[in-house]
Amino acid sequence: MVAITTPNPVRLPARQSSTAPRALHVVDDSTPEQRRPLRTFASFVAVVVMVLAVTYLFTSTPTTPGATGTPATLGAHVVSEGETLWSIAQEIAPAGEAATYVERLADSNGGATVVVGQRLTIPVP
């Protein structure tokens, strides 16, 4: 067996003391009255976030399962001479719901103005 020796042995650095560094201790010398505005603001922000979340959940447009984020449609309709959104809605919408269906037609097609020959997307009533 052969031993290898070096003229200057490698020395490892000495171990540090085993005591952990002391943690920084911050003293909050503010009074409860001084902290109250911050708590009030934080509470206000939390309430606003919750209201926005609930509003979003209840006003989002439901889609059919498996849809790509667009509401279901019945197909298309080409506007003929003399037709309006109202006349189209009366033909397609369930009885008594023509007024709300006109709004849906307008939203689906970029506005309430139609011209002869325009192709309208017809949403499911």
N, C-alpha and C. Protein backbone atom coordinates (compact mmCIF):
# COMPACT_ATOMS: atom_id res chain seq x y z
N MET A 1 0.83 -1.15 0.00
CA MET A 1 0.00 0.00 0.00
C MET A 1 0.88 1.23 0.00
N VAL A 2 0.43 2.27 -0.77
CA VAL A 2 1.22 3.47 -0.90
C VAL A 2 0.50 4.60 -0.21
N ALA A 3 1.19 5.38 0.56
CA ALA A 3 0.60 6.54 1.24
C ALA A 3 1.10 7.79 0.55
N ILE A 4 0.17 8.72 0.35
CA ILE A 4 0.54 9.98 -0.27
C ILE A 4 0.54 11.04 0.82
N THR A 5 1.58 11.77 0.90
CA THR A 5 1.66 12.84 1.89
C THR A 5 1.98 14.13 1.19
N THR A 6 1.56 15.23 1.83
CA THR A 6 1.86 16.55 1.29
C THR A 6 2.69 17.29 2.31
N PRO A 7 3.49 18.20 1.82
CA PRO A 7 4.34 18.91 2.77
C PRO A 7 3.53 19.82 3.70
N ASN A 8 2.45 20.42 3.20
CA ASN A 8 1.60 21.28 4.04
C ASN A 8 0.21 20.66 4.13
N PRO A 9 -0.14 20.09 5.24
CA PRO A 9 -1.46 19.47 5.36
C PRO A 9 -2.57 20.52 5.23
N VAL A 10 -3.70 20.12 4.65
CA VAL A 10 -4.84 21.02 4.49
C VAL A 10 -5.56 21.13 5.82
N ARG A 11 -5.81 22.36 6.23
CA ARG A 11 -6.51 22.56 7.49
C ARG A 11 -7.91 23.08 7.21
N LEU A 12 -8.87 22.51 7.88
CA LEU A 12 -10.25 22.96 7.77
C LEU A 12 -10.44 24.17 8.66
N PRO A 13 -11.34 25.08 8.28
CA PRO A 13 -11.57 26.25 9.14
C PRO A 13 -12.15 25.81 10.48
N ALA A 14 -11.83 26.57 11.47
CA ALA A 14 -12.32 26.25 12.82
C ALA A 14 -13.83 26.38 12.85
N ARG A 15 -14.48 25.55 13.63
CA ARG A 15 -15.93 25.59 13.76
C ARG A 15 -16.37 26.85 14.49
N GLN A 16 -17.51 27.36 14.02
CA GLN A 16 -18.09 28.52 14.69
C GLN A 16 -18.71 28.06 16.00
N SER A 17 -18.94 29.00 16.86
CA SER A 17 -19.57 28.62 18.13
C SER A 17 -20.97 28.10 17.84
N SER A 18 -21.47 27.24 18.65
CA SER A 18 -22.74 26.57 18.42
C SER A 18 -23.95 27.45 18.75
N THR A 19 -23.73 28.64 19.24
CA THR A 19 -24.87 29.50 19.54
C THR A 19 -25.37 30.14 18.25
N ALA A 20 -26.67 30.13 18.08
CA ALA A 20 -27.28 30.70 16.88
C ALA A 20 -27.26 32.22 16.98
N PRO A 21 -27.27 32.90 15.84
CA PRO A 21 -27.28 34.36 15.90
C PRO A 21 -28.58 34.83 16.56
N ARG A 22 -28.47 35.90 17.24
CA ARG A 22 -29.64 36.42 17.96
C ARG A 22 -30.62 37.01 16.98
N ALA A 23 -31.90 36.77 17.23
CA ALA A 23 -32.95 37.31 16.38
C ALA A 23 -33.15 38.78 16.69
N LEU A 24 -33.50 39.51 15.66
CA LEU A 24 -33.76 40.93 15.81
C LEU A 24 -35.14 41.08 16.45
N HIS A 25 -35.23 41.85 17.48
CA HIS A 25 -36.49 42.05 18.18
C HIS A 25 -36.94 43.48 17.94
N VAL A 26 -38.10 43.62 17.26
CA VAL A 26 -38.63 44.94 16.96
C VAL A 26 -39.67 45.29 18.01
N VAL A 27 -39.55 46.47 18.53
CA VAL A 27 -40.49 46.92 19.54
C VAL A 27 -41.47 47.87 18.88
N ASP A 28 -42.76 47.54 18.94
CA ASP A 28 -43.80 48.40 18.40
C ASP A 28 -44.28 49.30 19.53
N ASP A 29 -43.87 50.54 19.46
CA ASP A 29 -44.23 51.46 20.55
C ASP A 29 -45.44 52.31 20.19
N SER A 30 -46.17 51.93 19.11
CA SER A 30 -47.36 52.69 18.76
C SER A 30 -48.52 52.24 19.65
N THR A 31 -49.42 53.13 19.85
CA THR A 31 -50.58 52.85 20.70
C THR A 31 -51.70 52.24 19.85
N PRO A 32 -52.67 51.59 20.48
CA PRO A 32 -53.79 51.04 19.71
C PRO A 32 -54.52 52.11 18.91
N GLU A 33 -54.59 53.33 19.42
CA GLU A 33 -55.26 54.41 18.70
C GLU A 33 -54.51 54.75 17.41
N GLN A 34 -53.19 54.59 17.41
CA GLN A 34 -52.40 54.88 16.22
C GLN A 34 -52.53 53.77 15.18
N ARG A 35 -52.81 52.54 15.62
CA ARG A 35 -52.94 51.41 14.70
C ARG A 35 -54.35 51.27 14.15
N ARG A 36 -55.33 51.92 14.74
CA ARG A 36 -56.73 51.78 14.35
C ARG A 36 -56.98 52.17 12.89
N PRO A 37 -56.44 53.28 12.35
CA PRO A 37 -56.69 53.60 10.93
C PRO A 37 -56.22 52.50 9.98
N LEU A 38 -55.10 51.87 10.28
CA LEU A 38 -54.60 50.80 9.43
C LEU A 38 -55.55 49.61 9.45
N ARG A 39 -56.04 49.25 10.62
CA ARG A 39 -56.99 48.14 10.73
C ARG A 39 -58.29 48.48 10.00
N THR A 40 -58.74 49.72 10.12
CA THR A 40 -59.98 50.13 9.46
C THR A 40 -59.80 50.04 7.94
N PHE A 41 -58.69 50.51 7.44
CA PHE A 41 -58.43 50.44 5.99
C PHE A 41 -58.34 49.00 5.52
N ALA A 42 -57.66 48.14 6.26
CA ALA A 42 -57.53 46.73 5.89
C ALA A 42 -58.90 46.06 5.88
N SER A 43 -59.74 46.38 6.83
CA SER A 43 -61.10 45.82 6.86
C SER A 43 -61.90 46.30 5.65
N PHE A 44 -61.77 47.57 5.32
CA PHE A 44 -62.47 48.12 4.16
C PHE A 44 -62.05 47.42 2.88
N VAL A 45 -60.76 47.22 2.70
CA VAL A 45 -60.25 46.55 1.51
C VAL A 45 -60.77 45.11 1.44
N ALA A 46 -60.80 44.42 2.58
CA ALA A 46 -61.29 43.04 2.60
C ALA A 46 -62.77 42.98 2.20
N VAL A 47 -63.57 43.91 2.69
CA VAL A 47 -65.00 43.94 2.34
C VAL A 47 -65.17 44.22 0.85
N VAL A 48 -64.42 45.16 0.31
CA VAL A 48 -64.53 45.49 -1.12
C VAL A 48 -64.16 44.28 -1.97
N VAL A 49 -63.12 43.56 -1.61
CA VAL A 49 -62.71 42.38 -2.37
C VAL A 49 -63.80 41.31 -2.32
N MET A 50 -64.40 41.10 -1.16
CA MET A 50 -65.46 40.11 -1.05
C MET A 50 -66.68 40.50 -1.88
N VAL A 51 -67.06 41.77 -1.86
CA VAL A 51 -68.21 42.23 -2.64
C VAL A 51 -67.94 42.04 -4.13
N LEU A 52 -66.75 42.38 -4.58
CA LEU A 52 -66.40 42.20 -6.00
C LEU A 52 -66.42 40.72 -6.39
N ALA A 53 -65.94 39.86 -5.52
CA ALA A 53 -65.93 38.42 -5.82
C ALA A 53 -67.35 37.88 -5.94
N VAL A 54 -68.21 38.26 -5.00
CA VAL A 54 -69.59 37.78 -5.04
C VAL A 54 -70.31 38.34 -6.27
N THR A 55 -70.08 39.60 -6.59
CA THR A 55 -70.69 40.20 -7.77
C THR A 55 -70.25 39.48 -9.04
N TYR A 56 -68.98 39.17 -9.14
CA TYR A 56 -68.47 38.45 -10.31
C TYR A 56 -69.12 37.07 -10.43
N LEU A 57 -69.23 36.36 -9.30
CA LEU A 57 -69.80 35.02 -9.34
C LEU A 57 -71.26 35.02 -9.78
N PHE A 58 -72.03 36.03 -9.37
CA PHE A 58 -73.45 36.04 -9.68
C PHE A 58 -73.79 36.74 -10.99
N THR A 59 -72.86 37.46 -11.59
CA THR A 59 -73.17 38.15 -12.84
C THR A 59 -72.46 37.56 -14.04
N SER A 60 -71.63 36.55 -13.85
CA SER A 60 -70.95 35.97 -15.01
C SER A 60 -71.95 35.18 -15.84
N THR A 61 -71.75 35.16 -17.15
CA THR A 61 -72.66 34.48 -18.07
C THR A 61 -72.42 32.99 -18.02
N PRO A 62 -73.44 32.20 -17.71
CA PRO A 62 -73.23 30.74 -17.69
C PRO A 62 -73.08 30.22 -19.12
N THR A 63 -72.27 29.21 -19.28
CA THR A 63 -72.08 28.59 -20.59
C THR A 63 -72.44 27.13 -20.49
N THR A 64 -72.63 26.51 -21.62
CA THR A 64 -72.94 25.09 -21.62
C THR A 64 -71.69 24.31 -21.26
N PRO A 65 -71.84 23.13 -20.63
CA PRO A 65 -70.66 22.35 -20.28
C PRO A 65 -69.84 22.01 -21.51
N GLY A 66 -68.55 22.15 -21.40
CA GLY A 66 -67.65 21.84 -22.50
C GLY A 66 -67.51 22.96 -23.51
N ALA A 67 -68.20 24.08 -23.29
CA ALA A 67 -68.09 25.20 -24.22
C ALA A 67 -66.76 25.90 -24.02
N THR A 68 -66.36 26.67 -25.00
CA THR A 68 -65.08 27.36 -24.94
C THR A 68 -65.23 28.77 -24.39
N GLY A 69 -66.23 29.03 -23.57
CA GLY A 69 -66.39 30.34 -22.97
C GLY A 69 -67.39 31.22 -23.70
N THR A 70 -68.01 30.73 -24.76
CA THR A 70 -69.01 31.52 -25.46
C THR A 70 -70.38 30.94 -25.19
N PRO A 71 -71.42 31.79 -25.04
CA PRO A 71 -72.75 31.27 -24.80
C PRO A 71 -73.23 30.44 -25.99
N ALA A 72 -74.11 29.49 -25.73
CA ALA A 72 -74.63 28.62 -26.78
C ALA A 72 -75.49 29.43 -27.74
N THR A 73 -75.44 29.08 -29.01
CA THR A 73 -76.23 29.78 -30.02
C THR A 73 -77.09 28.78 -30.79
N LEU A 74 -78.19 29.31 -31.34
CA LEU A 74 -79.06 28.49 -32.19
C LEU A 74 -78.56 28.46 -33.62
N GLY A 75 -77.84 29.45 -34.00
CA GLY A 75 -77.35 29.54 -35.37
C GLY A 75 -77.28 30.98 -35.80
N ALA A 76 -77.66 31.23 -37.07
CA ALA A 76 -77.57 32.57 -37.61
C ALA A 76 -78.87 32.91 -38.32
N HIS A 77 -79.07 34.20 -38.51
CA HIS A 77 -80.26 34.71 -39.21
C HIS A 77 -79.81 35.87 -40.08
N VAL A 78 -80.22 35.88 -41.33
CA VAL A 78 -79.90 36.98 -42.24
C VAL A 78 -81.08 37.95 -42.22
N VAL A 79 -80.79 39.21 -41.95
CA VAL A 79 -81.83 40.23 -41.82
C VAL A 79 -82.44 40.52 -43.20
N SER A 80 -83.79 40.46 -43.23
CA SER A 80 -84.54 40.78 -44.44
C SER A 80 -85.06 42.20 -44.35
N GLU A 81 -85.55 42.73 -45.45
CA GLU A 81 -86.08 44.09 -45.47
C GLU A 81 -87.29 44.19 -44.52
N GLY A 82 -87.30 45.23 -43.71
CA GLY A 82 -88.40 45.47 -42.78
C GLY A 82 -88.24 44.80 -41.43
N GLU A 83 -87.22 43.96 -41.25
CA GLU A 83 -87.02 43.29 -39.97
C GLU A 83 -86.26 44.18 -39.00
N THR A 84 -86.59 44.03 -37.74
CA THR A 84 -85.87 44.71 -36.65
C THR A 84 -85.50 43.67 -35.62
N LEU A 85 -84.67 44.06 -34.66
CA LEU A 85 -84.35 43.13 -33.58
C LEU A 85 -85.63 42.73 -32.83
N TRP A 86 -86.54 43.68 -32.71
CA TRP A 86 -87.79 43.40 -31.99
C TRP A 86 -88.60 42.33 -32.73
N SER A 87 -88.75 42.45 -34.04
CA SER A 87 -89.54 41.47 -34.79
C SER A 87 -88.87 40.09 -34.77
N ILE A 88 -87.55 40.06 -34.84
CA ILE A 88 -86.82 38.79 -34.78
C ILE A 88 -86.98 38.17 -33.39
N ALA A 89 -86.88 39.00 -32.35
CA ALA A 89 -87.02 38.51 -30.97
C ALA A 89 -88.41 37.94 -30.73
N GLN A 90 -89.45 38.57 -31.30
CA GLN A 90 -90.81 38.07 -31.11
C GLN A 90 -91.00 36.69 -31.74
N GLU A 91 -90.28 36.41 -32.81
CA GLU A 91 -90.38 35.11 -33.47
C GLU A 91 -89.64 34.02 -32.70
N ILE A 92 -88.53 34.37 -32.05
CA ILE A 92 -87.65 33.37 -31.45
C ILE A 92 -87.86 33.21 -29.95
N ALA A 93 -88.04 34.31 -29.25
CA ALA A 93 -88.09 34.28 -27.78
C ALA A 93 -89.36 33.63 -27.27
N PRO A 94 -89.30 33.02 -26.07
CA PRO A 94 -90.51 32.50 -25.45
C PRO A 94 -91.51 33.63 -25.20
N ALA A 95 -92.78 33.29 -25.06
CA ALA A 95 -93.84 34.28 -24.88
C ALA A 95 -93.53 35.19 -23.68
N GLY A 96 -93.64 36.49 -23.92
CA GLY A 96 -93.45 37.47 -22.86
C GLY A 96 -92.00 37.85 -22.57
N GLU A 97 -91.04 37.27 -23.28
CA GLU A 97 -89.64 37.56 -23.01
C GLU A 97 -88.93 38.25 -24.17
N ALA A 98 -89.69 38.83 -25.07
CA ALA A 98 -89.10 39.45 -26.26
C ALA A 98 -88.21 40.63 -25.89
N ALA A 99 -88.63 41.41 -24.90
CA ALA A 99 -87.84 42.60 -24.52
C ALA A 99 -86.45 42.22 -24.04
N THR A 100 -86.33 41.22 -23.19
CA THR A 100 -85.01 40.82 -22.70
C THR A 100 -84.21 40.12 -23.80
N TYR A 101 -84.91 39.46 -24.72
CA TYR A 101 -84.21 38.78 -25.81
C TYR A 101 -83.64 39.79 -26.81
N VAL A 102 -84.30 40.94 -26.99
CA VAL A 102 -83.76 41.99 -27.85
C VAL A 102 -82.40 42.44 -27.32
N GLU A 103 -82.28 42.59 -26.00
CA GLU A 103 -81.00 42.98 -25.38
C GLU A 103 -79.93 41.93 -25.65
N ARG A 104 -80.30 40.65 -25.54
CA ARG A 104 -79.33 39.58 -25.79
C ARG A 104 -78.90 39.55 -27.26
N LEU A 105 -79.86 39.79 -28.15
CA LEU A 105 -79.51 39.86 -29.58
C LEU A 105 -78.54 41.01 -29.84
N ALA A 106 -78.82 42.17 -29.25
CA ALA A 106 -77.95 43.34 -29.44
C ALA A 106 -76.56 43.07 -28.88
N ASP A 107 -76.47 42.45 -27.70
CA ASP A 107 -75.17 42.14 -27.09
C ASP A 107 -74.39 41.14 -27.94
N SER A 108 -75.08 40.16 -28.50
CA SER A 108 -74.41 39.13 -29.29
C SER A 108 -73.93 39.62 -30.65
N ASN A 109 -74.53 40.72 -31.13
CA ASN A 109 -74.23 41.16 -32.49
C ASN A 109 -73.64 42.56 -32.58
N GLY A 110 -73.16 43.09 -31.47
CA GLY A 110 -72.44 44.36 -31.51
C GLY A 110 -73.30 45.60 -31.57
N GLY A 111 -74.55 45.53 -31.19
CA GLY A 111 -75.38 46.73 -31.15
C GLY A 111 -76.80 46.45 -31.63
N ALA A 112 -77.65 47.46 -31.46
CA ALA A 112 -79.07 47.30 -31.77
C ALA A 112 -79.41 47.66 -33.21
N THR A 113 -78.49 48.20 -33.96
CA THR A 113 -78.75 48.59 -35.34
C THR A 113 -78.50 47.41 -36.27
N VAL A 114 -79.48 47.12 -37.14
CA VAL A 114 -79.32 46.04 -38.12
C VAL A 114 -79.56 46.60 -39.52
N VAL A 115 -78.95 45.98 -40.51
CA VAL A 115 -79.15 46.37 -41.91
C VAL A 115 -79.53 45.13 -42.71
N VAL A 116 -80.20 45.35 -43.82
CA VAL A 116 -80.62 44.26 -44.68
C VAL A 116 -79.39 43.48 -45.14
N GLY A 117 -79.46 42.15 -45.04
CA GLY A 117 -78.35 41.29 -45.44
C GLY A 117 -77.37 40.98 -44.32
N GLN A 118 -77.51 41.65 -43.17
CA GLN A 118 -76.61 41.40 -42.05
C GLN A 118 -76.89 40.01 -41.48
N ARG A 119 -75.83 39.32 -41.15
CA ARG A 119 -75.95 37.97 -40.56
C ARG A 119 -75.87 38.12 -39.04
N LEU A 120 -76.96 37.75 -38.35
CA LEU A 120 -77.03 37.85 -36.90
C LEU A 120 -76.78 36.50 -36.25
N THR A 121 -76.03 36.53 -35.15
CA THR A 121 -75.87 35.33 -34.34
C THR A 121 -77.07 35.26 -33.41
N ILE A 122 -77.74 34.12 -33.39
CA ILE A 122 -78.95 33.95 -32.58
C ILE A 122 -78.61 33.15 -31.33
N PRO A 123 -78.59 33.80 -30.14
CA PRO A 123 -78.31 33.07 -28.90
C PRO A 123 -79.51 32.23 -28.48
N VAL A 124 -79.25 31.21 -27.69
CA VAL A 124 -80.33 30.37 -27.18
C VAL A 124 -81.21 31.21 -26.27
N PRO A 125 -82.54 31.15 -26.46
CA PRO A 125 -83.44 31.98 -25.61
C PRO A 125 -83.41 31.55 -24.16
